Amino acid sequence: MKPMFIVFEGIDGSGTSTQAQLLAKYLGESGQPSIVTTEPSTGPIGSLIREGMKRRVIFSNDKEKFDHQMAYLFAADRHDHLYNDVDGVFKLINDGNHVISTRYYFSSFAYHCENEDDFEFVRSLNNKFPEPDIVIYLDNPIQVSLKRMENRSHQDVYENEVKLTAVSNNYKRIFSEYNGKLLQVKADLPVSEVHNSIIKFVIGGGHNGK
């Protein structure tokens, strides 16, 4: 199987990190080197975004301005995540690795859009980024996500019921219109069941159902 760029999406608390690590472990044990990355990345712009989301760095107290600033920063970080020469996605793929990312440009539409103008704005920032080989959307009920996040030592500015409800609705819109290879999985199923569905889809090259 040729090295692929695989993206996990879902609201906070949906299990994207857990499932990404399980997929990487499975592929690695099958002799297919796999590396897990994330957005925001661990690079310089990604680190700034993380500080902003924790309110360690204050960009704006105006919600709309904050979302727009985040959209600009995420697009800049995304370019670095894909193309930097140290650990960029395409360098890693060219070196023979699958790259599994928790979040990609779909998250910008989900988290930074409240109206049609916002969708156009985010689209203008992201329309030149390439499609991943496979997208896996973990569809999780809001209350399940909130319960899972109760014990986190710190919750960022987006981890609340109102925001997650809007994000979930945006994801449904995004993926109802998406024509790429997409697997949608109920994320409140047992972890092993979700994992097995993902393995079947990935091994099948994204052709085992949608």
C-alpha atoms as a PDB file:
ATOM      1  CA  MET A   1       0.000   0.000   0.000  1.00  0.00           C
ATOM      2  CA  LYS A   2       1.489   3.321  -1.046  1.00  0.00           C
ATOM      3  CA  PRO A   3       2.128   5.912   1.692  1.00  0.00           C
ATOM      4  CA  MET A   4      -1.045   7.867   2.370  1.00  0.00           C
ATOM      5  CA  PHE A   5      -2.132  11.100   4.024  1.00  0.00           C
ATOM      6  CA  ILE A   6      -4.975  10.111   6.351  1.00  0.00           C
ATOM      7  CA  VAL A   7      -6.983  12.684   8.306  1.00  0.00           C
ATOM      8  CA  PHE A   8      -9.134  12.221  11.406  1.00  0.00           C
ATOM      9  CA  GLU A   9     -11.838  14.790  12.154  1.00  0.00           C
ATOM     10  CA  GLY A  10     -14.412  15.190  14.908  1.00  0.00           C
ATOM     11  CA  ILE A  11     -15.492  17.491  17.696  1.00  0.00           C
ATOM     12  CA  ASP A  12     -13.350  17.689  20.818  1.00  0.00           C
ATOM     13  CA  GLY A  13     -13.683  14.519  22.858  1.00  0.00           C
ATOM     14  CA  SER A  14     -14.599  12.326  19.901  1.00  0.00           C
ATOM     15  CA  GLY A  15     -11.492  10.133  20.188  1.00  0.00           C
ATOM     16  CA  THR A  16      -9.499  11.289  17.166  1.00  0.00           C
ATOM     17  CA  SER A  17      -6.165  11.043  18.981  1.00  0.00           C
ATOM     18  CA  THR A  18      -6.927   7.570  20.345  1.00  0.00           C
ATOM     19  CA  GLN A  19      -8.042   6.212  16.975  1.00  0.00           C
ATOM     20  CA  ALA A  20      -5.145   7.838  15.116  1.00  0.00           C
ATOM     21  CA  GLN A  21      -2.653   6.179  17.464  1.00  0.00           C
ATOM     22  CA  LEU A  22      -4.399   2.810  17.145  1.00  0.00           C
ATOM     23  CA  LEU A  23      -4.326   3.044  13.349  1.00  0.00           C
ATOM     24  CA  ALA A  24      -0.640   3.978  13.354  1.00  0.00           C
ATOM     25  CA  LYS A  25       0.135   1.044  15.662  1.00  0.00           C
ATOM     26  CA  TYR A  26      -1.770  -1.379  13.430  1.00  0.00           C
ATOM     27  CA  LEU A  27      -0.077  -0.151  10.248  1.00  0.00           C
ATOM     28  CA  GLY A  28       3.334  -0.163  11.896  1.00  0.00           C
ATOM     29  CA  GLU A  29       2.897  -3.740  13.065  1.00  0.00           C
ATOM     30  CA  SER A  30       1.933  -4.611   9.480  1.00  0.00           C
ATOM     31  CA  GLY A  31       5.287  -3.306   8.272  1.00  0.00           C
ATOM     32  CA  GLN A  32       3.977   0.052   7.088  1.00  0.00           C
ATOM     33  CA  PRO A  33       5.720   2.943   8.883  1.00  0.00           C
ATOM     34  CA  SER A  34       3.207   5.499  10.111  1.00  0.00           C
ATOM     35  CA  ILE A  35       3.586   8.845  11.835  1.00  0.00           C
ATOM     36  CA  VAL A  36       0.850  10.696  13.723  1.00  0.00           C
ATOM     37  CA  THR A  37       0.728  14.490  13.435  1.00  0.00           C
ATOM     38  CA  THR A  38      -1.830  17.056  14.485  1.00  0.00           C
ATOM     39  CA  GLU A  39      -3.217  20.508  13.784  1.00  0.00           C
ATOM     40  CA  PRO A  40      -2.408  22.863  15.289  1.00  0.00           C
ATOM     41  CA  SER A  41       1.048  21.464  14.681  1.00  0.00           C
ATOM     42  CA  THR A  42       4.008  21.391  17.037  1.00  0.00           C
ATOM     43  CA  GLY A  43       5.739  24.006  14.870  1.00  0.00           C
ATOM     44  CA  PRO A  44       6.218  27.686  15.749  1.00  0.00           C
ATOM     45  CA  ILE A  45       2.823  28.876  14.463  1.00  0.00           C
ATOM     46  CA  GLY A  46       1.017  25.874  15.911  1.00  0.00           C
ATOM     47  CA  SER A  47       2.558  26.587  19.306  1.00  0.00           C
ATOM     48  CA  LEU A  48       1.270  30.158  19.146  1.00  0.00           C
ATOM     49  CA  ILE A  49      -2.233  28.881  18.310  1.00  0.00           C
ATOM     50  CA  ARG A  50      -2.184  26.567  21.320  1.00  0.00           C
ATOM     51  CA  GLU A  51      -1.253  29.433  23.607  1.00  0.00           C
ATOM     52  CA  GLY A  52      -4.079  31.517  22.147  1.00  0.00           C
ATOM     53  CA  MET A  53      -6.623  28.744  22.652  1.00  0.00           C
ATOM     54  CA  LYS A  54      -5.549  28.429  26.286  1.00  0.00           C
ATOM     55  CA  ARG A  55      -5.817  32.223  26.664  1.00  0.00           C
ATOM     56  CA  ARG A  56      -2.132  32.396  27.559  1.00  0.00           C
ATOM     57  CA  VAL A  57      -1.860  34.789  24.612  1.00  0.00           C
ATOM     58  CA  ILE A  58      -4.808  37.153  24.072  1.00  0.00           C
ATOM     59  CA  PHE A  59      -5.544  37.938  20.443  1.00  0.00           C
ATOM     60  CA  SER A  60      -9.022  39.441  20.804  1.00  0.00           C
ATOM     61  CA  ASN A  61     -11.916  39.289  23.238  1.00  0.00           C
ATOM     62  CA  ASP A  62     -14.331  39.734  20.338  1.00  0.00           C
ATOM     63  CA  LYS A  63     -15.538  36.247  19.347  1.00  0.00           C
ATOM     64  CA  GLU A  64     -15.813  36.942  15.605  1.00  0.00           C
ATOM     65  CA  LYS A  65     -12.402  38.601  15.446  1.00  0.00           C
ATOM     66  CA  PHE A  66     -10.892  35.749  17.457  1.00  0.00           C
ATOM     67  CA  ASP A  67     -12.290  33.135  15.056  1.00  0.00           C
ATOM     68  CA  HIS A  68     -10.959  35.065  12.059  1.00  0.00           C
ATOM     69  CA  GLN A  69      -7.532  35.424  13.641  1.00  0.00           C
ATOM     70  CA  MET A  70      -7.513  31.710  14.371  1.00  0.00           C
ATOM     71  CA  ALA A  71      -8.498  30.934  10.772  1.00  0.00           C
ATOM     72  CA  TYR A  72      -5.549  32.979   9.457  1.00  0.00           C
ATOM     73  CA  LEU A  73      -3.140  31.341  11.897  1.00  0.00           C
ATOM     74  CA  PHE A  74      -4.409  27.830  11.201  1.00  0.00           C
ATOM     75  CA  ALA A  75      -3.950  28.353   7.454  1.00  0.00           C
ATOM     76  CA  ALA A  76      -0.377  29.531   8.011  1.00  0.00           C
ATOM     77  CA  ASP A  77       0.321  26.618  10.344  1.00  0.00           C
ATOM     78  CA  ARG A  78      -1.288  24.214   7.848  1.00  0.00           C
ATOM     79  CA  HIS A  79       1.090  25.328   5.108  1.00  0.00           C
ATOM     80  CA  ASP A  80       4.042  24.731   7.430  1.00  0.00           C
ATOM     81  CA  HIS A  81       2.584  21.396   8.550  1.00  0.00           C
ATOM     82  CA  LEU A  82       2.369  20.199   4.943  1.00  0.00           C
ATOM     83  CA  TYR A  83       5.467  21.645   3.344  1.00  0.00           C
ATOM     84  CA  ASN A  84       8.251  22.294   5.864  1.00  0.00           C
ATOM     85  CA  ASP A  85      11.488  20.433   5.091  1.00  0.00           C
ATOM     86  CA  VAL A  86      12.044  19.043   8.588  1.00  0.00           C
ATOM     87  CA  ASP A  87       8.908  17.059   9.410  1.00  0.00           C
ATOM     88  CA  GLY A  88       6.326  18.248   6.900  1.00  0.00           C
ATOM     89  CA  VAL A  89       3.611  15.852   5.770  1.00  0.00           C
ATOM     90  CA  PHE A  90       4.898  15.503   2.230  1.00  0.00           C
ATOM     91  CA  LYS A  91       8.514  15.054   3.307  1.00  0.00           C
ATOM     92  CA  LEU A  92       7.411  12.214   5.577  1.00  0.00           C
ATOM     93  CA  ILE A  93       5.321  10.637   2.815  1.00  0.00           C
ATOM     94  CA  ASN A  94       8.204  10.900   0.353  1.00  0.00           C
ATOM     95  CA  ASP A  95      10.344   9.119   2.945  1.00  0.00           C
ATOM     96  CA  GLY A  96       7.913   6.177   2.816  1.00  0.00           C
ATOM     97  CA  ASN A  97       5.648   6.855   5.799  1.00  0.00           C
ATOM     98  CA  HIS A  98       1.900   6.996   6.104  1.00  0.00           C
ATOM     99  CA  VAL A  99       1.015  10.316   7.772  1.00  0.00           C
ATOM    100  CA  ILE A 100      -2.036  10.293  10.032  1.00  0.00           C
ATOM    101  CA  SER A 101      -3.185  13.752  11.086  1.00  0.00           C
ATOM    102  CA  THR A 102      -5.725  14.621  13.734  1.00  0.00           C
ATOM    103  CA  ARG A 103      -7.438  17.565  12.029  1.00  0.00           C
ATOM    104  CA  TYR A 104      -6.902  19.318   8.727  1.00  0.00           C
ATOM    105  CA  TYR A 105      -8.633  22.137   6.853  1.00  0.00           C
ATOM    106  CA  PHE A 106     -12.084  20.643   7.564  1.00  0.00           C
ATOM    107  CA  SER A 107     -11.628  21.780  11.158  1.00  0.00           C
ATOM    108  CA  SER A 108     -11.274  25.394  10.070  1.00  0.00           C
ATOM    109  CA  PHE A 109     -14.704  25.243   8.448  1.00  0.00           C
ATOM    110  CA  ALA A 110     -16.129  23.473  11.492  1.00  0.00           C
ATOM    111  CA  TYR A 111     -14.676  25.735  14.183  1.00  0.00           C
ATOM    112  CA  HIS A 112     -14.368  29.142  12.524  1.00  0.00           C
ATOM    113  CA  CYS A 113     -17.655  29.535  10.622  1.00  0.00           C
ATOM    114  CA  GLU A 114     -21.007  30.859  11.770  1.00  0.00           C
ATOM    115  CA  ASN A 115     -22.489  32.144   8.501  1.00  0.00           C
ATOM    116  CA  GLU A 116     -22.015  32.085   4.723  1.00  0.00           C
ATOM    117  CA  ASP A 117     -19.503  34.938   4.798  1.00  0.00           C
ATOM    118  CA  ASP A 118     -17.379  32.942   7.219  1.00  0.00           C
ATOM    119  CA  PHE A 119     -17.509  29.880   4.949  1.00  0.00           C
ATOM    120  CA  GLU A 120     -16.333  31.975   2.001  1.00  0.00           C
ATOM    121  CA  PHE A 121     -13.579  33.524   4.090  1.00  0.00           C
ATOM    122  CA  VAL A 122     -12.266  30.163   5.311  1.00  0.00           C
ATOM    123  CA  ARG A 123     -12.576  28.700   1.818  1.00  0.00           C
ATOM    124  CA  SER A 124     -10.426  31.527   0.433  1.00  0.00           C
ATOM    125  CA  LEU A 125      -7.672  30.695   2.946  1.00  0.00           C
ATOM    126  CA  ASN A 126      -7.708  26.946   2.312  1.00  0.00           C
ATOM    127  CA  ASN A 127      -8.689  26.364  -1.311  1.00  0.00           C
ATOM    128  CA  LYS A 128      -5.155  25.549  -2.466  1.00  0.00           C
ATOM    129  CA  PHE A 129      -4.437  22.874   0.105  1.00  0.00           C
ATOM    130  CA  PRO A 130      -4.493  19.332  -1.351  1.00  0.00           C
ATOM    131  CA  GLU A 131      -7.113  16.759  -0.450  1.00  0.00           C
ATOM    132  CA  PRO A 132      -6.031  13.949   1.873  1.00  0.00           C
ATOM    133  CA  ASP A 133      -6.125  10.373   0.598  1.00  0.00           C
ATOM    134  CA  ILE A 134      -8.683   9.387   3.238  1.00  0.00           C
ATOM    135  CA  VAL A 135     -10.812  11.263   5.771  1.00  0.00           C
ATOM    136  CA  ILE A 136     -12.246   9.551   8.846  1.00  0.00           C
ATOM    137  CA  TYR A 137     -14.960  11.504  10.654  1.00  0.00           C
ATOM    138  CA  LEU A 138     -15.747  10.395  14.194  1.00  0.00           C
ATOM    139  CA  ASP A 139     -19.342  11.453  14.747  1.00  0.00           C
ATOM    140  CA  ASN A 140     -19.777  11.863  18.488  1.00  0.00           C
ATOM    141  CA  PRO A 141     -22.828  13.058  20.482  1.00  0.00           C
ATOM    142  CA  ILE A 142     -22.195  16.386  22.216  1.00  0.00           C
ATOM    143  CA  GLN A 143     -22.988  15.089  25.696  1.00  0.00           C
ATOM    144  CA  VAL A 144     -20.613  12.141  25.265  1.00  0.00           C
ATOM    145  CA  SER A 145     -17.794  14.507  24.311  1.00  0.00           C
ATOM    146  CA  LEU A 146     -18.500  16.806  27.262  1.00  0.00           C
ATOM    147  CA  LYS A 147     -18.479  13.831  29.645  1.00  0.00           C
ATOM    148  CA  ARG A 148     -15.154  12.605  28.241  1.00  0.00           C
ATOM    149  CA  MET A 149     -13.587  16.049  28.711  1.00  0.00           C
ATOM    150  CA  GLU A 150     -14.691  16.549  32.325  1.00  0.00           C
ATOM    151  CA  ASN A 151     -11.380  15.380  33.768  1.00  0.00           C
ATOM    152  CA  ARG A 152      -9.092  17.346  31.452  1.00  0.00           C
ATOM    153  CA  SER A 153      -6.727  19.560  33.418  1.00  0.00           C
ATOM    154  CA  HIS A 154      -7.470  22.456  31.090  1.00  0.00           C
ATOM    155  CA  GLN A 155     -10.238  23.092  28.596  1.00  0.00           C
ATOM    156  CA  ASP A 156      -9.645  25.471  25.707  1.00  0.00           C
ATOM    157  CA  VAL A 157     -11.987  28.212  24.519  1.00  0.00           C
ATOM    158  CA  TYR A 158     -13.850  25.884  22.129  1.00  0.00           C
ATOM    159  CA  GLU A 159     -14.613  23.078  24.592  1.00  0.00           C
ATOM    160  CA  ASN A 160     -18.153  24.002  25.648  1.00  0.00           C
ATOM    161  CA  GLU A 161     -21.628  22.808  24.715  1.00  0.00           C
ATOM    162  CA  VAL A 162     -22.680  25.819  22.629  1.00  0.00           C
ATOM    163  CA  LYS A 163     -19.524  25.808  20.521  1.00  0.00           C
ATOM    164  CA  LEU A 164     -19.427  22.034  20.079  1.00  0.00           C
ATOM    165  CA  THR A 165     -23.043  21.993  18.927  1.00  0.00           C
ATOM    166  CA  ALA A 166     -22.258  24.568  16.232  1.00  0.00           C
ATOM    167  CA  VAL A 167     -19.107  22.659  15.266  1.00  0.00           C
ATOM    168  CA  SER A 168     -21.001  19.382  14.979  1.00  0.00           C
ATOM    169  CA  ASN A 169     -23.576  21.011  12.696  1.00  0.00           C
ATOM    170  CA  ASN A 170     -20.804  22.471  10.534  1.00  0.00           C
ATOM    171  CA  TYR A 171     -19.141  19.077  10.213  1.00  0.00           C
ATOM    172  CA  LYS A 172     -22.414  17.552   9.028  1.00  0.00           C
ATOM    173  CA  ARG A 173     -22.690  20.249   6.363  1.00  0.00           C
ATOM    174  CA  ILE A 174     -19.063  19.890   5.267  1.00  0.00           C
ATOM    175  CA  PHE A 175     -19.169  16.123   4.884  1.00  0.00           C
ATOM    176  CA  SER A 176     -22.589  16.039   3.241  1.00  0.00           C
ATOM    177  CA  GLU A 177     -20.930  17.982   0.405  1.00  0.00           C
ATOM    178  CA  TYR A 178     -17.541  16.218   0.393  1.00  0.00           C
ATOM    179  CA  ASN A 179     -16.724  13.994  -2.585  1.00  0.00           C
ATOM    180  CA  GLY A 180     -13.419  12.513  -1.434  1.00  0.00           C
ATOM    181  CA  LYS A 181     -12.830   9.164   0.279  1.00  0.00           C
ATOM    182  CA  LEU A 182     -14.688   9.503   3.555  1.00  0.00           C
ATOM    183  CA  LEU A 183     -15.599   7.140   6.379  1.00  0.00           C
ATOM    184  CA  GLN A 184     -18.114   8.358   8.955  1.00  0.00           C
ATOM    185  CA  VAL A 185     -18.128   6.335  12.177  1.00  0.00           C
ATOM    186  CA  LYS A 186     -20.288   6.611  15.290  1.00  0.00           C
ATOM    187  CA  ALA A 187     -17.690   7.543  17.886  1.00  0.00           C
ATOM    188  CA  ASP A 188     -19.719   6.451  20.921  1.00  0.00           C
ATOM    189  CA  LEU A 189     -19.360   2.805  19.913  1.00  0.00           C
ATOM    190  CA  PRO A 190     -16.730   0.676  21.711  1.00  0.00           C
ATOM    191  CA  VAL A 191     -13.183   1.780  20.854  1.00  0.00           C
ATOM    192  CA  SER A 192     -12.329  -1.603  19.334  1.00  0.00           C
ATOM    193  CA  GLU A 193     -15.409  -1.548  17.101  1.00  0.00           C
ATOM    194  CA  VAL A 194     -14.573   1.926  15.812  1.00  0.00           C
ATOM    195  CA  HIS A 195     -10.973   0.833  15.244  1.00  0.00           C
ATOM    196  CA  ASN A 196     -11.995  -2.253  13.267  1.00  0.00           C
ATOM    197  CA  SER A 197     -14.243  -0.185  10.992  1.00  0.00           C
ATOM    198  CA  ILE A 198     -11.360   2.186  10.336  1.00  0.00           C
ATOM    199  CA  ILE A 199      -8.899  -0.632   9.579  1.00  0.00           C
ATOM    200  CA  LYS A 200     -11.294  -2.217   7.099  1.00  0.00           C
ATOM    201  CA  PHE A 201     -11.790   1.101   5.303  1.00  0.00           C
ATOM    202  CA  VAL A 202      -8.104   2.052   5.180  1.00  0.00           C
ATOM    203  CA  ILE A 203      -6.895  -1.374   4.065  1.00  0.00           C
ATOM    204  CA  GLY A 204      -9.546  -1.261   1.344  1.00  0.00           C
ATOM    205  CA  GLY A 205      -8.108   2.017   0.104  1.00  0.00           C
ATOM    206  CA  GLY A 206     -11.207   3.955   1.101  1.00  0.00           C
ATOM    207  CA  HIS A 207     -13.614   1.836  -0.955  1.00  0.00           C
ATOM    208  CA  ASN A 208     -15.464  -0.143   1.720  1.00  0.00           C
ATOM    209  CA  GLY A 209     -18.294   2.275   2.347  1.00  0.00           C
ATOM    210  CA  LYS A 210     -18.963   5.807   3.377  1.00  0.00           C
END
